[in-house]
Amino acid sequence: MPTPYDNDQVSYEGVDWEKVPNKYKKRPMPMTTEEMDEWQIPWLSRDYCVDKYVEYRKCMLKTVYNDMCMHDKHVYHQCQFLEIHRRKAIKDLREELGR
């Protein structure tokens, strides 16, 4: 099952990958689809921060007092924040390249 970020309609034909910074290149997913299914990860959380989400869920499962997991929650939210800014930068880069 594809993730929400798999888009076959996007064409990267003609992109000079030597000019594109590494942080904007496609990265491998930190978990496989089978692992995400095993953890019952919600569809909208299946992104590049899924490994941080799983660590947060593990903490939530092993502790009764959920305030013990605030650090893991912060790490997950920080990853989400950085991913949003990365996507915005990619969108701006694509507009600059005339896509």
PDB file of N, CA and C in Angstrom:
ATOM      1  N   MET A   1       0.854  -1.178   0.000  1.00  0.00           N
ATOM      2  CA  MET A   1       0.000   0.000   0.000  1.00  0.00           C
ATOM      3  C   MET A   1       0.901   1.243   0.000  1.00  0.00           C
ATOM      4  N   PRO A   2       0.673   2.154  -0.911  1.00  0.00           N
ATOM      5  CA  PRO A   2       1.526   3.348  -0.968  1.00  0.00           C
ATOM      6  C   PRO A   2       1.233   4.305   0.181  1.00  0.00           C
ATOM      7  N   THR A   3       2.202   5.129   0.475  1.00  0.00           N
ATOM      8  CA  THR A   3       2.011   6.155   1.496  1.00  0.00           C
ATOM      9  C   THR A   3       1.352   7.366   0.855  1.00  0.00           C
ATOM     10  N   PRO A   4       0.846   8.312   1.655  1.00  0.00           N
ATOM     11  CA  PRO A   4       0.224   9.498   1.073  1.00  0.00           C
ATOM     12  C   PRO A   4       1.200  10.352   0.271  1.00  0.00           C
ATOM     13  N   TYR A   5       2.502  10.097   0.430  1.00  0.00           N
ATOM     14  CA  TYR A   5       3.493  10.949  -0.216  1.00  0.00           C
ATOM     15  C   TYR A   5       4.034  10.342  -1.493  1.00  0.00           C
ATOM     16  N   ASP A   6       3.565   9.143  -1.867  1.00  0.00           N
ATOM     17  CA  ASP A   6       3.931   8.555  -3.145  1.00  0.00           C
ATOM     18  C   ASP A   6       3.043   9.186  -4.207  1.00  0.00           C
ATOM     19  N   ASN A   7       3.660   9.810  -5.192  1.00  0.00           N
ATOM     20  CA  ASN A   7       2.894  10.476  -6.227  1.00  0.00           C
ATOM     21  C   ASN A   7       3.538  10.156  -7.567  1.00  0.00           C
ATOM     22  N   ASP A   8       2.914   9.267  -8.322  1.00  0.00           N
ATOM     23  CA  ASP A   8       3.459   8.874  -9.613  1.00  0.00           C
ATOM     24  C   ASP A   8       3.234   9.937 -10.678  1.00  0.00           C
ATOM     25  N   GLN A   9       2.398  10.916 -10.413  1.00  0.00           N
ATOM     26  CA  GLN A   9       2.106  11.942 -11.394  1.00  0.00           C
ATOM     27  C   GLN A   9       3.180  13.028 -11.433  1.00  0.00           C
ATOM     28  N   VAL A  10       4.041  13.066 -10.415  1.00  0.00           N
ATOM     29  CA  VAL A  10       5.099  14.069 -10.379  1.00  0.00           C
ATOM     30  C   VAL A  10       6.237  13.600 -11.265  1.00  0.00           C
ATOM     31  N   SER A  11       6.648  14.443 -12.182  1.00  0.00           N
ATOM     32  CA  SER A  11       7.734  14.096 -13.085  1.00  0.00           C
ATOM     33  C   SER A  11       9.001  14.831 -12.671  1.00  0.00           C
ATOM     34  N   TYR A  12      10.082  14.074 -12.554  1.00  0.00           N
ATOM     35  CA  TYR A  12      11.371  14.680 -12.241  1.00  0.00           C
ATOM     36  C   TYR A  12      12.269  14.695 -13.472  1.00  0.00           C
ATOM     37  N   GLU A  13      11.666  14.529 -14.631  1.00  0.00           N
ATOM     38  CA  GLU A  13      12.410  14.514 -15.876  1.00  0.00           C
ATOM     39  C   GLU A  13      13.013  15.897 -16.131  1.00  0.00           C
ATOM     40  N   GLY A  14      14.266  15.924 -16.459  1.00  0.00           N
ATOM     41  CA  GLY A  14      14.934  17.184 -16.753  1.00  0.00           C
ATOM     42  C   GLY A  14      15.514  17.885 -15.541  1.00  0.00           C
ATOM     43  N   VAL A  15      15.379  17.305 -14.355  1.00  0.00           N
ATOM     44  CA  VAL A  15      15.931  17.917 -13.151  1.00  0.00           C
ATOM     45  C   VAL A  15      17.424  17.620 -13.099  1.00  0.00           C
ATOM     46  N   ASP A  16      18.224  18.650 -12.936  1.00  0.00           N
ATOM     47  CA  ASP A  16      19.665  18.482 -12.790  1.00  0.00           C
ATOM     48  C   ASP A  16      19.946  18.199 -11.318  1.00  0.00           C
ATOM     49  N   TRP A  17      20.099  16.918 -10.969  1.00  0.00           N
ATOM     50  CA  TRP A  17      20.228  16.513  -9.572  1.00  0.00           C
ATOM     51  C   TRP A  17      21.525  16.989  -8.946  1.00  0.00           C
ATOM     52  N   GLU A  18      22.499  17.393  -9.754  1.00  0.00           N
ATOM     53  CA  GLU A  18      23.755  17.919  -9.208  1.00  0.00           C
ATOM     54  C   GLU A  18      23.533  19.282  -8.548  1.00  0.00           C
ATOM     55  N   LYS A  19      22.531  20.021  -9.006  1.00  0.00           N
ATOM     56  CA  LYS A  19      22.247  21.355  -8.459  1.00  0.00           C
ATOM     57  C   LYS A  19      21.302  21.306  -7.265  1.00  0.00           C
ATOM     58  N   VAL A  20      20.634  20.185  -7.073  1.00  0.00           N
ATOM     59  CA  VAL A  20      19.663  20.060  -5.986  1.00  0.00           C
ATOM     60  C   VAL A  20      20.397  19.643  -4.714  1.00  0.00           C
ATOM     61  N   PRO A  21      20.248  20.406  -3.621  1.00  0.00           N
ATOM     62  CA  PRO A  21      20.902  20.018  -2.362  1.00  0.00           C
ATOM     63  C   PRO A  21      20.407  18.653  -1.874  1.00  0.00           C
ATOM     64  N   ASN A  22      21.270  17.932  -1.159  1.00  0.00           N
ATOM     65  CA  ASN A  22      20.944  16.581  -0.687  1.00  0.00           C
ATOM     66  C   ASN A  22      19.694  16.540   0.170  1.00  0.00           C
ATOM     67  N   LYS A  23      19.445  17.588   0.958  1.00  0.00           N
ATOM     68  CA  LYS A  23      18.297  17.540   1.858  1.00  0.00           C
ATOM     69  C   LYS A  23      16.966  17.562   1.112  1.00  0.00           C
ATOM     70  N   TYR A  24      16.978  17.890  -0.195  1.00  0.00           N
ATOM     71  CA  TYR A  24      15.750  17.914  -0.977  1.00  0.00           C
ATOM     72  C   TYR A  24      15.567  16.660  -1.825  1.00  0.00           C
ATOM     73  N   LYS A  25      16.545  15.783  -1.839  1.00  0.00           N
ATOM     74  CA  LYS A  25      16.433  14.573  -2.640  1.00  0.00           C
ATOM     75  C   LYS A  25      15.552  13.551  -1.925  1.00  0.00           C
ATOM     76  N   LYS A  26      14.982  12.640  -2.701  1.00  0.00           N
ATOM     77  CA  LYS A  26      14.094  11.622  -2.133  1.00  0.00           C
ATOM     78  C   LYS A  26      14.881  10.729  -1.181  1.00  0.00           C
ATOM     79  N   ARG A  27      14.290  10.488  -0.024  1.00  0.00           N
ATOM     80  CA  ARG A  27      14.934   9.682   1.011  1.00  0.00           C
ATOM     81  C   ARG A  27      14.186   8.368   1.173  1.00  0.00           C
ATOM     82  N   PRO A  28      14.873   7.346   1.677  1.00  0.00           N
ATOM     83  CA  PRO A  28      14.153   6.094   1.962  1.00  0.00           C
ATOM     84  C   PRO A  28      13.288   6.253   3.210  1.00  0.00           C
ATOM     85  N   MET A  29      12.166   5.562   3.225  1.00  0.00           N
ATOM     86  CA  MET A  29      11.297   5.590   4.400  1.00  0.00           C
ATOM     87  C   MET A  29      11.990   4.870   5.550  1.00  0.00           C
ATOM     88  N   PRO A  30      11.843   5.371   6.793  1.00  0.00           N
ATOM     89  CA  PRO A  30      12.501   4.725   7.930  1.00  0.00           C
ATOM     90  C   PRO A  30      11.900   3.371   8.307  1.00  0.00           C
ATOM     91  N   MET A  31      10.677   3.094   7.863  1.00  0.00           N
ATOM     92  CA  MET A  31      10.025   1.809   8.155  1.00  0.00           C
ATOM     93  C   MET A  31       9.353   1.301   6.885  1.00  0.00           C
ATOM     94  N   THR A  32       9.218  -0.008   6.799  1.00  0.00           N
ATOM     95  CA  THR A  32       8.508  -0.584   5.663  1.00  0.00           C
ATOM     96  C   THR A  32       6.998  -0.496   5.904  1.00  0.00           C
ATOM     97  N   THR A  33       6.246  -0.705   4.847  1.00  0.00           N
ATOM     98  CA  THR A  33       4.788  -0.681   4.956  1.00  0.00           C
ATOM     99  C   THR A  33       4.291  -1.787   5.883  1.00  0.00           C
ATOM    100  N   GLU A  34       4.956  -2.938   5.848  1.00  0.00           N
ATOM    101  CA  GLU A  34       4.556  -4.052   6.713  1.00  0.00           C
ATOM    102  C   GLU A  34       4.757  -3.695   8.184  1.00  0.00           C
ATOM    103  N   GLU A  35       5.877  -3.038   8.495  1.00  0.00           N
ATOM    104  CA  GLU A  35       6.124  -2.617   9.878  1.00  0.00           C
ATOM    105  C   GLU A  35       5.089  -1.588  10.323  1.00  0.00           C
ATOM    106  N   MET A  36       4.726  -0.676   9.420  1.00  0.00           N
ATOM    107  CA  MET A  36       3.711   0.321   9.760  1.00  0.00           C
ATOM    108  C   MET A  36       2.357  -0.340   9.989  1.00  0.00           C
ATOM    109  N   ASP A  37       2.033  -1.346   9.174  1.00  0.00           N
ATOM    110  CA  ASP A  37       0.783  -2.087   9.371  1.00  0.00           C
ATOM    111  C   ASP A  37       0.796  -2.831  10.700  1.00  0.00           C
ATOM    112  N   GLU A  38       1.943  -3.400  11.041  1.00  0.00           N
ATOM    113  CA  GLU A  38       2.073  -4.132  12.300  1.00  0.00           C
ATOM    114  C   GLU A  38       1.843  -3.212  13.500  1.00  0.00           C
ATOM    115  N   TRP A  39       2.348  -1.997  13.421  1.00  0.00           N
ATOM    116  CA  TRP A  39       2.168  -1.024  14.508  1.00  0.00           C
ATOM    117  C   TRP A  39       0.835  -0.285  14.411  1.00  0.00           C
ATOM    118  N   GLN A  40       0.066  -0.547  13.369  1.00  0.00           N
ATOM    119  CA  GLN A  40      -1.227   0.110  13.131  1.00  0.00           C
ATOM    120  C   GLN A  40      -1.071   1.633  13.125  1.00  0.00           C
ATOM    121  N   ILE A  41      -0.098   2.082  12.345  1.00  0.00           N
ATOM    122  CA  ILE A  41       0.171   3.512  12.225  1.00  0.00           C
ATOM    123  C   ILE A  41      -0.962   4.147  11.420  1.00  0.00           C
ATOM    124  N   PRO A  42      -1.551   5.245  11.908  1.00  0.00           N
ATOM    125  CA  PRO A  42      -2.591   5.926  11.131  1.00  0.00           C
ATOM    126  C   PRO A  42      -2.046   6.393   9.777  1.00  0.00           C
ATOM    127  N   TRP A  43      -2.911   6.434   8.793  1.00  0.00           N
ATOM    128  CA  TRP A  43      -2.533   6.778   7.422  1.00  0.00           C
ATOM    129  C   TRP A  43      -1.792   8.114   7.356  1.00  0.00           C
ATOM    130  N   LEU A  44      -2.257   9.114   8.078  1.00  0.00           N
ATOM    131  CA  LEU A  44      -1.644  10.442   7.998  1.00  0.00           C
ATOM    132  C   LEU A  44      -0.314  10.537   8.744  1.00  0.00           C
ATOM    133  N   SER A  45       0.021   9.550   9.544  1.00  0.00           N
ATOM    134  CA  SER A  45       1.300   9.562  10.262  1.00  0.00           C
ATOM    135  C   SER A  45       2.371   8.748   9.545  1.00  0.00           C
ATOM    136  N   ARG A  46       2.060   8.224   8.381  1.00  0.00           N
ATOM    137  CA  ARG A  46       3.023   7.406   7.632  1.00  0.00           C
ATOM    138  C   ARG A  46       3.887   8.306   6.764  1.00  0.00           C
ATOM    139  N   ASP A  47       4.801   8.983   7.404  1.00  0.00           N
ATOM    140  CA  ASP A  47       5.703   9.876   6.695  1.00  0.00           C
ATOM    141  C   ASP A  47       7.123   9.613   7.164  1.00  0.00           C
ATOM    142  N   TYR A  48       8.020  10.537   6.921  1.00  0.00           N
ATOM    143  CA  TYR A  48       9.425  10.339   7.271  1.00  0.00           C
ATOM    144  C   TYR A  48       9.680  10.432   8.772  1.00  0.00           C
ATOM    145  N   CYS A  49       8.691  10.784   9.555  1.00  0.00           N
ATOM    146  CA  CYS A  49       8.832  10.863  11.016  1.00  0.00           C
ATOM    147  C   CYS A  49       8.194   9.658  11.703  1.00  0.00           C
ATOM    148  N   VAL A  50       7.872   8.634  10.954  1.00  0.00           N
ATOM    149  CA  VAL A  50       7.155   7.495  11.520  1.00  0.00           C
ATOM    150  C   VAL A  50       7.974   6.783  12.591  1.00  0.00           C
ATOM    151  N   ASP A  51       9.290   6.772  12.475  1.00  0.00           N
ATOM    152  CA  ASP A  51      10.107   6.110  13.501  1.00  0.00           C
ATOM    153  C   ASP A  51      10.017   6.839  14.836  1.00  0.00           C
ATOM    154  N   LYS A  52       9.927   8.169  14.797  1.00  0.00           N
ATOM    155  CA  LYS A  52       9.761   8.943  16.034  1.00  0.00           C
ATOM    156  C   LYS A  52       8.371   8.732  16.627  1.00  0.00           C
ATOM    157  N   TYR A  53       7.376   8.576  15.752  1.00  0.00           N
ATOM    158  CA  TYR A  53       6.019   8.301  16.201  1.00  0.00           C
ATOM    159  C   TYR A  53       5.956   6.955  16.918  1.00  0.00           C
ATOM    160  N   VAL A  54       6.659   5.957  16.403  1.00  0.00           N
ATOM    161  CA  VAL A  54       6.672   4.630  17.029  1.00  0.00           C
ATOM    162  C   VAL A  54       7.349   4.693  18.393  1.00  0.00           C
ATOM    163  N   GLU A  55       8.439   5.442  18.504  1.00  0.00           N
ATOM    164  CA  GLU A  55       9.103   5.587  19.807  1.00  0.00           C
ATOM    165  C   GLU A  55       8.159   6.238  20.821  1.00  0.00           C
ATOM    166  N   TYR A  56       7.415   7.225  20.380  1.00  0.00           N
ATOM    167  CA  TYR A  56       6.431   7.883  21.244  1.00  0.00           C
ATOM    168  C   TYR A  56       5.345   6.891  21.662  1.00  0.00           C
ATOM    169  N   ARG A  57       4.857   6.089  20.708  1.00  0.00           N
ATOM    170  CA  ARG A  57       3.835   5.088  21.023  1.00  0.00           C
ATOM    171  C   ARG A  57       4.355   4.030  21.985  1.00  0.00           C
ATOM    172  N   LYS A  58       5.612   3.608  21.806  1.00  0.00           N
ATOM    173  CA  LYS A  58       6.210   2.625  22.718  1.00  0.00           C
ATOM    174  C   LYS A  58       6.236   3.171  24.137  1.00  0.00           C
ATOM    175  N   CYS A  59       6.617   4.433  24.269  1.00  0.00           N
ATOM    176  CA  CYS A  59       6.649   5.065  25.587  1.00  0.00           C
ATOM    177  C   CYS A  59       5.242   5.124  26.182  1.00  0.00           C
ATOM    178  N   MET A  60       4.267   5.466  25.360  1.00  0.00           N
ATOM    179  CA  MET A  60       2.887   5.544  25.840  1.00  0.00           C
ATOM    180  C   MET A  60       2.381   4.173  26.312  1.00  0.00           C
ATOM    181  N   LEU A  61       2.814   3.114  25.648  1.00  0.00           N
ATOM    182  CA  LEU A  61       2.361   1.774  26.015  1.00  0.00           C
ATOM    183  C   LEU A  61       3.010   1.266  27.300  1.00  0.00           C
ATOM    184  N   LYS A  62       4.249   1.660  27.551  1.00  0.00           N
ATOM    185  CA  LYS A  62       4.931   1.113  28.726  1.00  0.00           C
ATOM    186  C   LYS A  62       4.764   1.962  29.982  1.00  0.00           C
ATOM    187  N   THR A  63       4.255   3.179  29.857  1.00  0.00           N
ATOM    188  CA  THR A  63       4.052   4.014  31.041  1.00  0.00           C
ATOM    189  C   THR A  63       2.580   4.336  31.209  1.00  0.00           C
ATOM    190  N   VAL A  64       2.158   4.400  32.428  1.00  0.00           N
ATOM    191  CA  VAL A  64       0.773   4.760  32.726  1.00  0.00           C
ATOM    192  C   VAL A  64       0.638   6.277  32.723  1.00  0.00           C
ATOM    193  N   TYR A  65       1.644   6.926  33.239  1.00  0.00           N
ATOM    194  CA  TYR A  65       1.635   8.379  33.354  1.00  0.00           C
ATOM    195  C   TYR A  65       2.239   8.960  32.080  1.00  0.00           C
ATOM    196  N   ASN A  66       1.410   9.496  31.215  1.00  0.00           N
ATOM    197  CA  ASN A  66       1.849   9.896  29.887  1.00  0.00           C
ATOM    198  C   ASN A  66       2.761  11.112  29.860  1.00  0.00           C
ATOM    199  N   ASP A  67       2.870  11.834  30.961  1.00  0.00           N
ATOM    200  CA  ASP A  67       3.800  12.956  30.977  1.00  0.00           C
ATOM    201  C   ASP A  67       5.247  12.493  30.926  1.00  0.00           C
ATOM    202  N   MET A  68       5.470  11.214  31.172  1.00  0.00           N
ATOM    203  CA  MET A  68       6.821  10.668  31.070  1.00  0.00           C
ATOM    204  C   MET A  68       7.287  10.632  29.612  1.00  0.00           C
ATOM    205  N   CYS A  69       6.367  10.750  28.691  1.00  0.00           N
ATOM    206  CA  CYS A  69       6.683  10.644  27.261  1.00  0.00           C
ATOM    207  C   CYS A  69       6.777  12.006  26.577  1.00  0.00           C
ATOM    208  N   MET A  70       6.843  13.060  27.334  1.00  0.00           N
ATOM    209  CA  MET A  70       6.844  14.393  26.733  1.00  0.00           C
ATOM    210  C   MET A  70       8.050  14.620  25.827  1.00  0.00           C
ATOM    211  N   HIS A  71       9.209  14.055  26.190  1.00  0.00           N
ATOM    212  CA  HIS A  71      10.393  14.236  25.349  1.00  0.00           C
ATOM    213  C   HIS A  71      10.191  13.563  23.990  1.00  0.00           C
ATOM    214  N   ASP A  72       9.672  12.335  23.995  1.00  0.00           N
ATOM    215  CA  ASP A  72       9.422  11.629  22.737  1.00  0.00           C
ATOM    216  C   ASP A  72       8.377  12.358  21.894  1.00  0.00           C
ATOM    217  N   LYS A  73       7.373  12.892  22.557  1.00  0.00           N
ATOM    218  CA  LYS A  73       6.346  13.654  21.847  1.00  0.00           C
ATOM    219  C   LYS A  73       6.952  14.907  21.222  1.00  0.00           C
ATOM    220  N   HIS A  74       7.830  15.572  21.960  1.00  0.00           N
ATOM    221  CA  HIS A  74       8.490  16.773  21.447  1.00  0.00           C
ATOM    222  C   HIS A  74       9.370  16.434  20.235  1.00  0.00           C
ATOM    223  N   VAL A  75      10.105  15.333  20.319  1.00  0.00           N
ATOM    224  CA  VAL A  75      10.964  14.914  19.206  1.00  0.00           C
ATOM    225  C   VAL A  75      10.121  14.630  17.968  1.00  0.00           C
ATOM    226  N   TYR A  76       8.985  13.966  18.149  1.00  0.00           N
ATOM    227  CA  TYR A  76       8.094  13.668  17.022  1.00  0.00           C
ATOM    228  C   TYR A  76       7.533  14.954  16.409  1.00  0.00           C
ATOM    229  N   HIS A  77       7.079  15.860  17.236  1.00  0.00           N
ATOM    230  CA  HIS A  77       6.509  17.113  16.726  1.00  0.00           C
ATOM    231  C   HIS A  77       7.579  17.975  16.060  1.00  0.00           C
ATOM    232  N   GLN A  78       8.792  17.952  16.594  1.00  0.00           N
ATOM    233  CA  GLN A  78       9.881  18.708  15.977  1.00  0.00           C
ATOM    234  C   GLN A  78      10.201  18.132  14.593  1.00  0.00           C
ATOM    235  N   CYS A  79      10.192  16.824  14.474  1.00  0.00           N
ATOM    236  CA  CYS A  79      10.416  16.188  13.180  1.00  0.00           C
ATOM    237  C   CYS A  79       9.319  16.589  12.191  1.00  0.00           C
ATOM    238  N   GLN A  80       8.072  16.603  12.644  1.00  0.00           N
ATOM    239  CA  GLN A  80       6.961  17.025  11.790  1.00  0.00           C
ATOM    240  C   GLN A  80       7.153  18.469  11.321  1.00  0.00           C
ATOM    241  N   PHE A  81       7.563  19.330  12.236  1.00  0.00           N
ATOM    242  CA  PHE A  81       7.792  20.738  11.917  1.00  0.00           C
ATOM    243  C   PHE A  81       8.872  20.877  10.841  1.00  0.00           C
ATOM    244  N   LEU A  82       9.988  20.171  11.020  1.00  0.00           N
ATOM    245  CA  LEU A  82      11.082  20.245  10.051  1.00  0.00           C
ATOM    246  C   LEU A  82      10.671  19.656   8.706  1.00  0.00           C
ATOM    247  N   GLU A  83       9.850  18.619   8.726  1.00  0.00           N
ATOM    248  CA  GLU A  83       9.390  18.006   7.486  1.00  0.00           C
ATOM    249  C   GLU A  83       8.470  18.954   6.713  1.00  0.00           C
ATOM    250  N   ILE A  84       7.636  19.693   7.411  1.00  0.00           N
ATOM    251  CA  ILE A  84       6.766  20.674   6.752  1.00  0.00           C
ATOM    252  C   ILE A  84       7.607  21.749   6.077  1.00  0.00           C
ATOM    253  N   HIS A  85       8.635  22.227   6.768  1.00  0.00           N
ATOM    254  CA  HIS A  85       9.508  23.247   6.177  1.00  0.00           C
ATOM    255  C   HIS A  85      10.303  22.680   5.001  1.00  0.00           C
ATOM    256  N   ARG A  86      10.696  21.422   5.088  1.00  0.00           N
ATOM    257  CA  ARG A  86      11.402  20.781   3.983  1.00  0.00           C
ATOM    258  C   ARG A  86      10.490  20.694   2.759  1.00  0.00           C
ATOM    259  N   ARG A  87       9.241  20.301   2.964  1.00  0.00           N
ATOM    260  CA  ARG A  87       8.295  20.210   1.845  1.00  0.00           C
ATOM    261  C   ARG A  87       8.035  21.573   1.220  1.00  0.00           C
ATOM    262  N   LYS A  88       7.944  22.603   2.056  1.00  0.00           N
ATOM    263  CA  LYS A  88       7.734  23.951   1.530  1.00  0.00           C
ATOM    264  C   LYS A  88       8.935  24.392   0.701  1.00  0.00           C
ATOM    265  N   ALA A  89      10.144  24.079   1.177  1.00  0.00           N
ATOM    266  CA  ALA A  89      11.348  24.436   0.428  1.00  0.00           C
ATOM    267  C   ALA A  89      11.401  23.691  -0.903  1.00  0.00           C
ATOM    268  N   ILE A  90      10.973  22.429  -0.913  1.00  0.00           N
ATOM    269  CA  ILE A  90      10.942  21.659  -2.158  1.00  0.00           C
ATOM    270  C   ILE A  90       9.928  22.268  -3.117  1.00  0.00           C
ATOM    271  N   LYS A  91       8.774  22.665  -2.598  1.00  0.00           N
ATOM    272  CA  LYS A  91       7.756  23.292  -3.442  1.00  0.00           C
ATOM    273  C   LYS A  91       8.290  24.585  -4.043  1.00  0.00           C
ATOM    274  N   ASP A  92       8.956  25.402  -3.231  1.00  0.00           N
ATOM    275  CA  ASP A  92       9.533  26.648  -3.732  1.00  0.00           C
ATOM    276  C   ASP A  92      10.607  26.375  -4.781  1.00  0.00           C
ATOM    277  N   LEU A  93      11.417  25.341  -4.555  1.00  0.00           N
ATOM    278  CA  LEU A  93      12.461  24.976  -5.508  1.00  0.00           C
ATOM    279  C   LEU A  93      11.849  24.525  -6.825  1.00  0.00           C
ATOM    280  N   ARG A  94      10.775  23.744  -6.751  1.00  0.00           N
ATOM    281  CA  ARG A  94      10.113  23.284  -7.977  1.00  0.00           C
ATOM    282  C   ARG A  94       9.499  24.454  -8.741  1.00  0.00           C
ATOM    283  N   GLU A  95       8.922  25.423  -8.015  1.00  0.00           N
ATOM    284  CA  GLU A  95       8.367  26.602  -8.681  1.00  0.00           C
ATOM    285  C   GLU A  95       9.472  27.415  -9.336  1.00  0.00           C
ATOM    286  N   GLU A  96      10.619  27.477  -8.667  1.00  0.00           N
ATOM    287  CA  GLU A  96      11.760  28.210  -9.215  1.00  0.00           C
ATOM    288  C   GLU A  96      12.274  27.549 -10.494  1.00  0.00           C
ATOM    289  N   LEU A  97      12.210  26.208 -10.541  1.00  0.00           N
ATOM    290  CA  LEU A  97      12.654  25.480 -11.727  1.00  0.00           C
ATOM    291  C   LEU A  97      11.593  25.482 -12.828  1.00  0.00           C
ATOM    292  N   GLY A  98      10.433  26.039 -12.530  1.00  0.00           N
ATOM    293  CA  GLY A  98       9.386  26.147 -13.528  1.00  0.00           C
ATOM    294  C   GLY A  98       8.536  24.908 -13.670  1.00  0.00           C
ATOM    295  N   ARG A  99       8.283  24.236 -12.580  1.00  0.00           N
ATOM    296  CA  ARG A  99       7.480  22.999 -12.624  1.00  0.00           C
ATOM    297  C   ARG A  99       6.081  23.288 -12.196  1.00  0.00           C
TER     298      ARG A  99
END
